[in-house]
Protein backbone atom coordinates (compact mmCIF):
# COMPACT_ATOMS: atom_id res chain seq x y z
CA UNK A 1 85.34 171.47 28.95
CA UNK A 2 86.56 168.10 29.86
CA UNK A 3 89.53 168.00 27.32
CA UNK A 4 90.70 171.59 28.79
CA UNK A 5 90.11 170.11 32.79
CA UNK A 6 92.20 166.84 31.38
CA UNK A 7 95.31 168.96 29.81
CA UNK A 8 94.94 171.21 33.19
CA UNK A 9 95.48 168.15 35.03
CA UNK A 10 98.08 166.63 32.79
CA UNK A 11 100.17 169.75 33.25
CA UNK A 12 99.67 169.76 37.00
CA UNK A 13 100.82 166.32 37.40
CA UNK A 14 103.68 167.03 35.07
CA UNK A 15 104.56 169.96 37.22
CA UNK A 16 104.55 167.79 40.12
CA UNK A 17 106.86 165.08 38.76
CA UNK A 18 109.66 167.24 38.40
CA UNK A 19 109.46 169.28 41.36
CA UNK A 20 110.74 166.61 43.96
CA UNK A 21 114.05 166.59 41.82
CA UNK A 22 115.40 169.78 43.88
CA UNK A 23 114.22 168.96 47.09
CA UNK A 24 114.82 164.99 47.70
CA UNK A 25 114.97 166.03 51.30
CA UNK A 26 111.72 167.31 51.78
CA UNK A 27 109.61 164.33 52.55
CA UNK A 28 106.46 165.57 53.44
CA UNK A 29 105.92 167.95 50.12
CA UNK A 30 106.11 164.33 48.63
CA UNK A 31 102.90 163.22 50.35
CA UNK A 32 101.55 166.57 49.66
CA UNK A 33 102.15 166.47 46.18
CA UNK A 34 101.07 162.83 45.59
CA UNK A 35 97.59 163.37 47.66
CA UNK A 36 96.93 166.42 45.77
CA UNK A 37 97.32 164.45 42.58
CA UNK A 38 95.18 161.47 43.43
CA UNK A 39 92.62 163.64 44.57
CA UNK A 40 92.75 165.58 41.08
CA UNK A 41 92.58 162.45 39.22
CA UNK A 42 89.71 161.05 41.44
CA UNK A 43 87.63 163.54 40.87
CA UNK A 44 88.07 163.73 36.93
CA UNK A 45 87.15 159.84 37.06
CA UNK A 46 83.98 160.39 39.21
CA UNK A 47 82.99 163.34 36.58
CA UNK A 48 83.59 160.79 33.36
CA UNK A 49 80.37 159.25 32.03
CA UNK A 50 82.37 155.89 31.52
CA UNK A 51 85.88 155.01 32.55
CA UNK A 52 87.86 152.25 30.96
CA UNK A 53 89.16 149.21 32.95
CA UNK A 54 92.59 150.56 31.91
CA UNK A 55 92.04 153.80 33.65
CA UNK A 56 90.84 152.58 36.78
CA UNK A 57 93.84 149.96 37.22
CA UNK A 58 96.10 152.76 36.82
CA UNK A 59 94.34 154.90 39.55
CA UNK A 60 94.39 152.07 41.85
CA UNK A 61 98.15 151.48 41.32
CA UNK A 62 98.96 154.95 41.74
CA UNK A 63 96.46 154.97 45.02
CA UNK A 64 98.53 152.10 46.27
CA UNK A 65 101.79 153.86 45.40
CA UNK A 66 100.47 157.10 47.64
CA UNK A 67 99.58 154.98 50.62
CA UNK A 68 103.14 153.41 50.37
CA UNK A 69 104.90 156.49 50.38
CA UNK A 70 102.77 157.96 53.16
CA UNK A 71 104.09 154.90 55.34
CA UNK A 72 107.47 155.31 53.75
CA UNK A 73 107.37 158.75 55.17
CA UNK A 74 106.65 157.98 58.54
CA UNK A 75 109.34 155.66 58.77
CA UNK A 76 111.64 158.28 57.84
CA UNK A 77 112.75 156.03 54.70
CA UNK A 78 113.87 158.56 52.26
CA UNK A 79 114.96 156.07 49.70
CA UNK A 80 111.31 153.92 49.61
CA UNK A 81 109.23 157.38 49.96
CA UNK A 82 110.83 158.93 46.53
CA UNK A 83 110.24 155.52 44.84
CA UNK A 84 106.97 155.31 45.67
CA UNK A 85 106.56 158.99 45.19
CA UNK A 86 107.79 158.37 41.19
CA UNK A 87 105.89 155.29 40.74
CA UNK A 88 102.24 156.97 41.89
CA UNK A 89 102.96 160.54 40.11
CA UNK A 90 103.39 157.96 36.77
CA UNK A 91 100.06 156.20 37.36
CA UNK A 92 98.74 159.36 37.50
CA UNK A 93 100.03 160.91 34.47
CA UNK A 94 99.33 157.58 32.32
CA UNK A 95 95.61 157.87 33.82
CA UNK A 96 95.26 161.58 32.43
CA UNK A 97 97.00 160.25 29.08
CA UNK A 98 93.91 157.70 28.69
CA UNK A 99 91.30 160.46 29.87
CA UNK A 100 92.89 162.36 26.47
CA UNK A 101 92.66 159.15 24.69
CA UNK A 102 89.14 158.67 25.49
CA UNK A 103 87.26 161.87 25.30
CA UNK A 104 84.70 161.90 22.64
CA UNK A 105 84.77 164.74 19.86
CA UNK A 106 81.98 166.96 20.41
CA UNK A 107 78.93 166.11 18.58
CA UNK A 108 76.74 168.74 17.15
CA UNK A 109 74.14 170.82 18.61
CA UNK A 110 71.61 168.97 16.71
CA UNK A 111 72.83 165.44 18.41
CA UNK A 112 72.43 167.07 21.97
CA UNK A 113 68.92 167.59 21.57
CA UNK A 114 68.22 163.79 20.54
CA UNK A 115 66.74 161.65 22.53
CA UNK A 116 68.30 160.10 25.18
CA UNK A 117 70.19 156.70 24.94
CA UNK A 118 67.20 153.94 25.12
CA UNK A 119 69.33 151.75 26.81
CA UNK A 120 70.75 153.32 29.33
CA UNK A 121 69.47 151.62 32.64
CA UNK A 122 68.26 154.65 34.57
CA UNK A 123 66.61 152.05 36.91
CA UNK A 124 69.71 151.03 38.48
CA UNK A 125 71.25 154.37 38.37
CA UNK A 126 68.81 155.57 40.48
CA UNK A 127 68.76 152.74 42.89
CA UNK A 128 72.73 153.00 42.98
CA UNK A 129 72.00 157.01 43.78
CA UNK A 130 69.82 155.98 46.56
CA UNK A 131 72.00 153.50 48.29
CA UNK A 132 75.07 156.12 47.87
CA UNK A 133 72.94 159.18 49.53
CA UNK A 134 71.86 157.01 52.25
CA UNK A 135 75.85 156.41 53.02
CA UNK A 136 76.25 159.79 53.11
CA UNK A 137 73.33 160.39 55.37
CA UNK A 138 74.89 157.82 57.53
CA UNK A 139 78.04 159.67 57.90
CA UNK A 140 76.69 162.96 57.95
CA UNK A 141 74.46 161.73 61.23
CA UNK A 142 77.71 159.78 62.80
CA UNK A 143 79.45 163.07 62.74
CA UNK A 144 76.76 165.06 63.67
CA UNK A 145 76.98 167.20 60.52
CA UNK A 146 74.24 169.92 59.75
CA UNK A 147 73.71 168.42 56.14
CA UNK A 148 70.29 169.20 54.36
CA UNK A 149 69.24 166.15 52.04
CA UNK A 150 65.92 167.40 51.26
CA UNK A 151 66.70 168.39 47.68
CA UNK A 152 68.28 165.42 46.73
CA UNK A 153 65.26 163.15 48.10
CA UNK A 154 62.78 165.62 46.08
CA UNK A 155 65.17 165.34 43.03
CA UNK A 156 65.36 161.41 43.50
CA UNK A 157 61.44 161.17 43.85
CA UNK A 158 60.64 163.47 40.82
CA UNK A 159 63.17 161.02 38.83
CA UNK A 160 61.33 158.18 39.94
CA UNK A 161 58.08 159.35 38.96
CA UNK A 162 59.53 160.30 35.34
CA UNK A 163 60.70 156.95 35.01
CA UNK A 164 57.61 155.49 35.91
CA UNK A 165 55.77 157.42 33.31
CA UNK A 166 57.90 156.94 30.37
CA UNK A 167 59.08 160.64 30.30
CA UNK A 168 62.43 160.16 29.06
CA UNK A 169 63.66 163.88 27.97
CA UNK A 170 62.55 165.23 31.80
CA UNK A 171 64.11 162.10 32.89
CA UNK A 172 67.65 162.79 31.72
CA UNK A 173 67.17 166.50 32.68
CA UNK A 174 66.47 165.56 36.43
CA UNK A 175 68.96 162.80 36.38
CA UNK A 176 71.65 165.16 35.62
CA UNK A 177 70.81 167.47 38.14
CA UNK A 178 70.54 164.80 40.91
CA UNK A 179 73.66 163.56 40.28
CA UNK A 180 75.32 167.19 40.39
CA UNK A 181 73.30 167.70 43.84
CA UNK A 182 74.85 163.95 45.18
CA UNK A 183 78.24 165.23 44.09
CA UNK A 184 77.62 168.37 46.09
CA UNK A 185 76.48 166.70 48.98
CA UNK A 186 79.79 164.33 49.25
CA UNK A 187 81.77 167.62 48.79
CA UNK A 188 80.08 169.20 51.55
CA UNK A 189 80.48 166.45 54.17
CA UNK A 190 84.27 165.79 52.99
CA UNK A 191 84.73 169.31 53.37
CA UNK A 192 83.21 169.39 56.83
CA UNK A 193 84.97 166.73 57.88
CA UNK A 194 88.36 167.50 56.98
CA UNK A 195 87.83 170.94 58.61
CA UNK A 196 86.66 169.60 61.64
CA UNK A 197 89.50 167.33 61.70
CA UNK A 198 92.29 170.12 60.95
CA UNK A 199 90.85 172.29 63.86
CA UNK A 200 91.07 169.34 66.03
CA UNK A 201 94.64 168.34 64.91
CA UNK A 202 95.62 172.39 65.13
CA UNK A 203 94.07 172.81 68.73
CA UNK A 204 96.09 169.40 69.49
CA UNK A 205 99.37 170.64 67.70
CA UNK A 206 98.70 174.04 69.76
CA UNK A 207 99.04 171.77 72.93
CA UNK A 208 102.07 170.26 72.02
CA UNK A 209 103.70 173.69 71.29
CA UNK A 210 102.80 175.23 74.64
CA UNK A 211 104.47 171.60 76.20
CA UNK A 212 107.45 172.30 74.16
CA UNK A 213 107.92 175.76 75.40
CA UNK A 214 107.59 174.51 78.93
CA UNK A 215 110.39 171.92 78.40
CA UNK A 216 112.46 174.37 76.84
CA UNK A 217 112.00 177.18 79.91
CA UNK A 218 113.43 174.24 82.31
CA UNK A 219 116.12 173.30 80.34
CA UNK A 220 118.88 174.67 82.40
CA UNK A 221 117.02 172.76 85.42
CA UNK A 222 116.59 169.96 83.40
CA UNK A 223 120.23 169.49 82.34
CA UNK A 224 119.05 169.61 78.78
CA UNK A 225 122.35 169.27 76.02
CA UNK A 226 122.37 171.73 73.46
CA UNK A 227 121.58 168.89 70.91
CA UNK A 228 118.44 168.25 72.76
CA UNK A 229 117.16 172.01 72.91
CA UNK A 230 117.85 172.09 69.19
CA UNK A 231 115.70 169.09 68.49
CA UNK A 232 112.93 170.82 70.55
CA UNK A 233 113.13 173.78 68.89
CA UNK A 234 112.96 172.31 65.58
CA UNK A 235 110.11 169.97 66.55
CA UNK A 236 108.33 173.41 67.27
CA UNK A 237 108.91 175.15 64.49
CA UNK A 238 107.69 172.36 62.40
CA UNK A 239 104.47 171.61 64.28
CA UNK A 240 103.74 175.47 63.75
CA UNK A 241 104.49 175.45 60.33
CA UNK A 242 102.18 172.05 59.55
CA UNK A 243 99.54 173.88 58.16
CA UNK A 244 96.92 172.27 60.10
CA UNK A 245 96.96 169.13 57.58
CA UNK A 246 96.11 166.00 60.27
CA UNK A 247 98.56 163.88 58.25
CA UNK A 248 101.32 165.95 58.53
CA UNK A 249 100.73 167.16 62.41
CA UNK A 250 100.68 163.25 63.08
CA UNK A 251 104.01 162.35 61.51
CA UNK A 252 105.80 165.54 63.48
CA UNK A 253 104.10 164.72 66.48
CA UNK A 254 105.27 161.31 66.37
CA UNK A 255 108.88 162.70 66.13
CA UNK A 256 108.26 165.17 69.40
CA UNK A 257 106.97 162.05 71.42
CA UNK A 258 110.30 160.23 70.54
CA UNK A 259 112.11 163.08 71.19
CA UNK A 260 110.12 163.35 74.62
CA UNK A 261 110.85 160.05 75.32
CA UNK A 262 114.66 160.16 74.77
CA UNK A 263 114.49 163.21 77.41
CA UNK A 264 112.60 161.60 79.58
CA UNK A 265 114.64 158.65 79.82
CA UNK A 266 117.53 160.03 80.44
CA UNK A 267 115.80 162.41 83.23
CA UNK A 268 114.75 159.51 84.61
CA UNK A 269 117.85 158.01 84.48
CA UNK A 270 119.51 160.97 86.12
CA UNK A 271 117.10 161.31 88.71
CA UNK A 272 117.11 157.71 89.70
CA UNK A 273 121.15 157.67 89.95
CA UNK A 274 120.77 160.77 92.36
CA UNK A 275 118.13 158.90 94.50
CA UNK A 276 120.43 156.09 94.65
CA UNK A 277 123.49 158.46 95.88
CA UNK A 278 121.51 160.56 98.70
CA UNK A 279 120.21 157.02 100.06
CA UNK A 280 123.35 155.88 100.47
CA UNK A 281 124.52 158.78 102.47
CA UNK A 282 121.27 158.27 104.45
CA UNK A 283 122.10 154.75 105.27
CA UNK A 284 125.76 155.52 106.29
CA UNK A 285 124.18 157.98 108.80
CA UNK A 286 121.42 155.87 110.08
CA UNK A 287 123.86 153.75 112.81
CA UNK A 288 124.61 157.06 114.32
CA UNK A 289 121.12 158.51 114.93
CA UNK A 290 120.45 159.63 118.44
CA UNK A 291 117.23 160.95 119.86
CA UNK A 292 118.38 164.87 118.99
CA UNK A 293 118.72 164.41 115.40
CA UNK A 294 115.81 161.45 114.85
CA UNK A 295 113.28 163.93 113.61
CA UNK A 296 115.51 165.23 110.50
CA UNK A 297 116.36 161.52 109.71
CA UNK A 298 112.84 160.82 109.71
CA UNK A 299 111.68 163.88 107.48
CA UNK A 300 114.50 162.56 105.14
CA UNK A 301 113.26 158.94 104.98
CA UNK A 302 109.78 160.64 104.28
CA UNK A 303 111.18 162.64 101.33
CA UNK A 304 112.88 159.46 100.10
CA UNK A 305 109.69 157.46 100.39
CA UNK A 306 108.29 160.24 98.17
CA UNK A 307 111.02 160.19 95.65
CA UNK A 308 110.93 156.27 94.99
CA UNK A 309 106.64 156.57 94.96
CA UNK A 310 105.74 156.55 91.37
CA UNK A 311 102.07 157.54 91.90
CA UNK A 312 103.40 160.91 93.58
CA UNK A 313 102.76 164.17 92.07
CA UNK A 314 105.64 165.83 93.64
CA UNK A 315 108.28 167.55 91.27
CA UNK A 316 111.50 165.15 91.47
CA UNK A 317 114.08 167.75 91.39
CA UNK A 318 112.30 169.90 94.29
CA UNK A 319 112.24 166.92 96.37
CA UNK A 320 115.98 166.02 95.53
CA UNK A 321 116.96 169.17 96.77
CA UNK A 322 115.01 168.90 99.97
CA UNK A 323 116.44 165.47 100.53
CA UNK A 324 119.81 166.68 100.01
CA UNK A 325 119.80 169.91 102.20
CA UNK A 326 118.11 167.63 104.94
CA UNK A 327 121.00 165.07 104.42
CA UNK A 328 123.43 167.90 104.64
CA UNK A 329 122.23 169.16 108.20
CA UNK A 330 122.17 165.86 109.63
CA UNK A 331 125.88 165.29 108.45
CA UNK A 332 126.68 168.96 109.85
CA UNK A 333 125.20 168.22 113.30
CA UNK A 334 127.28 165.09 113.41
CA UNK A 335 130.36 167.12 112.39
CA UNK A 336 129.61 169.65 115.39
CA UNK A 337 129.48 166.52 117.67
CA UNK A 338 132.75 165.31 116.52
CA UNK A 339 134.67 168.23 117.20
CA UNK A 340 133.83 168.60 121.31
CA UNK A 341 134.61 164.47 121.41
CA UNK A 342 137.89 164.72 120.16
CA UNK A 343 138.88 167.65 122.49
CA UNK A 344 137.58 165.52 125.14
CA UNK A 345 139.36 162.70 124.02
CA UNK A 346 142.81 164.66 124.02
CA UNK A 347 142.18 165.91 128.02
CA UNK A 348 141.35 162.26 128.85
CA UNK A 349 144.61 161.36 127.31
CA UNK A 350 146.84 163.68 129.25
CA UNK A 351 145.07 162.85 132.46
CA UNK A 352 146.10 159.16 131.96
CA UNK A 353 149.59 160.41 131.82
CA UNK A 354 149.63 162.54 134.88
CA UNK A 355 147.80 159.70 137.04
CA UNK A 356 149.51 156.75 135.87
CA UNK A 357 147.75 155.03 139.12
CA UNK A 358 144.43 154.76 137.57
CA UNK A 359 145.71 153.28 133.95
CA UNK A 360 145.26 149.51 135.02
CA UNK A 361 141.32 150.34 136.13
CA UNK A 362 141.04 152.32 132.84
CA UNK A 363 142.25 149.00 130.81
CA UNK A 364 140.20 146.97 132.70
CA UNK A 365 137.51 148.77 131.81
CA UNK A 366 138.26 148.93 128.09
CA UNK A 367 138.77 145.19 128.04
CA UNK A 368 135.55 144.24 129.57
CA UNK A 369 133.65 146.53 127.35
CA UNK A 370 135.22 146.19 123.86
CA UNK A 371 134.61 142.41 122.87
CA UNK A 372 130.77 141.40 121.93
CA UNK A 373 129.05 138.09 123.69
CA UNK A 374 128.02 135.89 120.71
CA UNK A 375 124.20 136.54 120.83
CA UNK A 376 124.93 140.21 120.13
CA UNK A 377 127.26 139.51 117.03
CA UNK A 378 124.55 136.74 115.89
CA UNK A 379 121.93 139.82 116.38
CA UNK A 380 123.81 142.19 114.25
CA UNK A 381 124.32 139.78 111.65
CA UNK A 382 120.74 139.34 111.72
CA UNK A 383 120.23 142.90 111.42
CA UNK A 384 122.37 143.38 108.08
CA UNK A 385 120.79 140.34 106.41
CA UNK A 386 117.37 142.10 107.28
CA UNK A 387 118.84 145.42 106.14
CA UNK A 388 120.20 143.74 102.82
CA UNK A 389 116.88 142.15 102.10
CA UNK A 390 114.86 145.02 102.40
CA UNK A 391 117.23 146.74 100.04
CA UNK A 392 116.89 144.03 97.36
CA UNK A 393 113.13 144.12 97.75
CA UNK A 394 113.24 148.33 97.43
CA UNK A 395 115.64 147.87 94.15
CA UNK A 396 113.08 145.28 92.73
CA UNK A 397 110.04 147.87 93.32
CA UNK A 398 111.86 150.80 91.65
CA UNK A 399 112.75 148.52 88.69
CA UNK A 400 108.88 147.65 88.43
CA UNK A 401 107.81 151.51 88.67
CA UNK A 402 110.43 151.79 85.80
CA UNK A 403 108.54 149.65 83.61
CA UNK A 404 104.99 150.97 84.44
CA UNK A 405 106.42 154.42 83.74
CA UNK A 406 107.99 153.30 80.04
CA UNK A 407 104.54 151.41 79.44
CA UNK A 408 102.77 154.75 80.36
CA UNK A 409 104.99 156.53 78.08
CA UNK A 410 103.98 154.51 75.20
CA UNK A 411 100.60 154.18 75.85
CA UNK A 412 100.36 158.05 75.90
CA UNK A 413 102.58 158.18 72.45
CA UNK A 414 99.87 155.95 71.07
CA UNK A 415 96.93 157.76 72.21
CA UNK A 416 98.43 160.97 71.17
CA UNK A 417 99.23 159.67 67.32
CA UNK A 418 95.42 158.72 67.13
CA UNK A 419 93.64 161.59 68.83
CA UNK A 420 93.97 163.77 65.49
CA UNK A 421 91.36 161.05 63.73
CA UNK A 422 88.95 160.32 66.51
CA UNK A 423 85.51 161.10 65.35
CA UNK A 424 82.47 161.23 67.21
CA UNK A 425 81.58 157.63 67.10
CA UNK A 426 84.98 156.43 68.60
CA UNK A 427 85.22 159.08 70.96
CA UNK A 428 83.88 157.35 74.24
CA UNK A 429 86.32 154.40 73.95
CA UNK A 430 88.96 156.79 73.04
CA UNK A 431 87.90 158.96 76.42
CA UNK A 432 87.70 156.02 78.36
CA UNK A 433 91.33 155.11 77.47
CA UNK A 434 92.57 158.42 78.40
CA UNK A 435 90.49 158.09 81.70
CA UNK A 436 92.12 154.47 82.74
CA UNK A 437 95.92 156.18 81.63
CA UNK A 438 95.15 159.22 83.84
CA UNK A 439 93.85 156.81 86.98
CA UNK A 440 96.83 154.30 86.42
CA UNK A 441 99.19 157.33 86.58
CA UNK A 442 97.49 158.59 89.53
CA UNK A 443 97.25 155.43 91.69
CA UNK A 444 99.30 152.66 89.83
CA UNK A 445 97.24 149.95 90.97
CA UNK A 446 96.59 146.64 89.36
CA UNK A 447 98.79 148.21 86.45
CA UNK A 448 99.21 145.28 84.43
CA UNK A 449 95.45 144.69 83.84
CA UNK A 450 95.14 148.04 83.15
CA UNK A 451 97.58 148.56 80.56
CA UNK A 452 96.08 145.31 78.87
CA UNK A 453 92.64 147.13 78.94
CA UNK A 454 94.08 150.24 77.62
CA UNK A 455 95.94 148.30 74.48
CA UNK A 456 92.66 146.82 73.84
CA UNK A 457 90.53 149.99 73.63
CA UNK A 458 93.73 151.24 71.46
CA UNK A 459 93.03 148.42 69.10
CA UNK A 460 89.54 148.55 68.72
CA UNK A 461 90.04 152.35 67.78
CA UNK A 462 92.71 151.65 65.23
CA UNK A 463 90.23 149.18 63.83
CA UNK A 464 87.58 151.75 63.45
CA UNK A 465 89.99 154.32 62.05
CA UNK A 466 91.39 151.86 59.63
CA UNK A 467 87.47 150.73 58.53
CA UNK A 468 86.04 154.33 58.51
CA UNK A 469 89.22 154.94 56.11
CA UNK A 470 88.13 151.71 53.73
CA UNK A 471 84.59 153.09 53.79
CA UNK A 472 85.92 156.68 52.59
CA UNK A 473 88.40 155.02 49.88
CA UNK A 474 85.29 153.03 48.52
CA UNK A 475 82.50 155.96 48.58
CA UNK A 476 81.81 157.13 45.06
């Protein structure tokens, strides 16, 4: 039976090593093929009664190359990805060759009925089984998995009793059943964790597909280019076809986030540019404002303040339109005031021609009113300086808001990348980080401290995930 399984695995690995020659661009398929080959070889290793050091070393090499392959695919490095893929598949193929060489020749039926090997250390083997099952129990409790360990515990106790009584024939039979039950429990837990992780990842991917649809629906309003729209549509298709594999979903969501960051940056730059233009128009109008138009001017200033407020939840596009409309109303008002004034000026000039006697008096009035006194000039200069200082402060505040917005976007990207890998034990810290980020976006209060705190939580989450992955890889 082992010979058949080993030859089947050899055929699988051999077919995998040939496939990528026709699809170098499909980096994601490299990861799928290598991880499946690694899983098949690991199953064979676990089923072997004993494994040579050569086989262990080759498997470790293949495992390492697979991890480097995943890292290369995440970095979109096609050259490194192909190199690590070929190295991993070569190592797994060599492991299967070692299996073929070390499989013992089947013994006659009489030998199978012979007494078990006397020098096998059943005592240590049972201790190892008990230790491994305790790890599985801890994993099941941590992830709230409904696993029944009653059968394994009963078999373990029975095996200990046979060992104590020296009933080696019964012990061997119970030992085989115990090993089979332990393997089944391990596979059940792994499948449950994988299924839960896949469900969470698919749900997360669907949320992002909905977000992409919302952005595409506003493509015109956001002034997206054809290239940007194509990128978003392609990212949506890739997410929809990811098949629920968390590692693939993480890679693809990371790409979507990069597209979102590029779009967000372009959108923010456009909004900032429009705000600056409208603010300049408003500043030019300010010296002319009278009591009649002041309510409109104050309304425009309020809208401008909302646009500049990083904690505002208002739609910036709608605010820009409202501000532009309000400023146009003010400009129209001044335009209507200018036309009658021009007509009055022409009438005054004709009166001056008809009544030259009053000219000296008019000239005397103009001469006395035109020059400004020294205190008035000084006051005007002071106002200009205050205005310039106020503009500089506002500019610095806007730059700070932009930096905070960029930091918030990065934190959102990190949390989104980690979310599919979150288990129940680390979920409270993940929820805490999300809550702090939401509060930061709403209020913007003490942004530096909050950003540092969120980064610290993210570091703890990453360390936990890496630790959990290490435990899973070390577990028999």
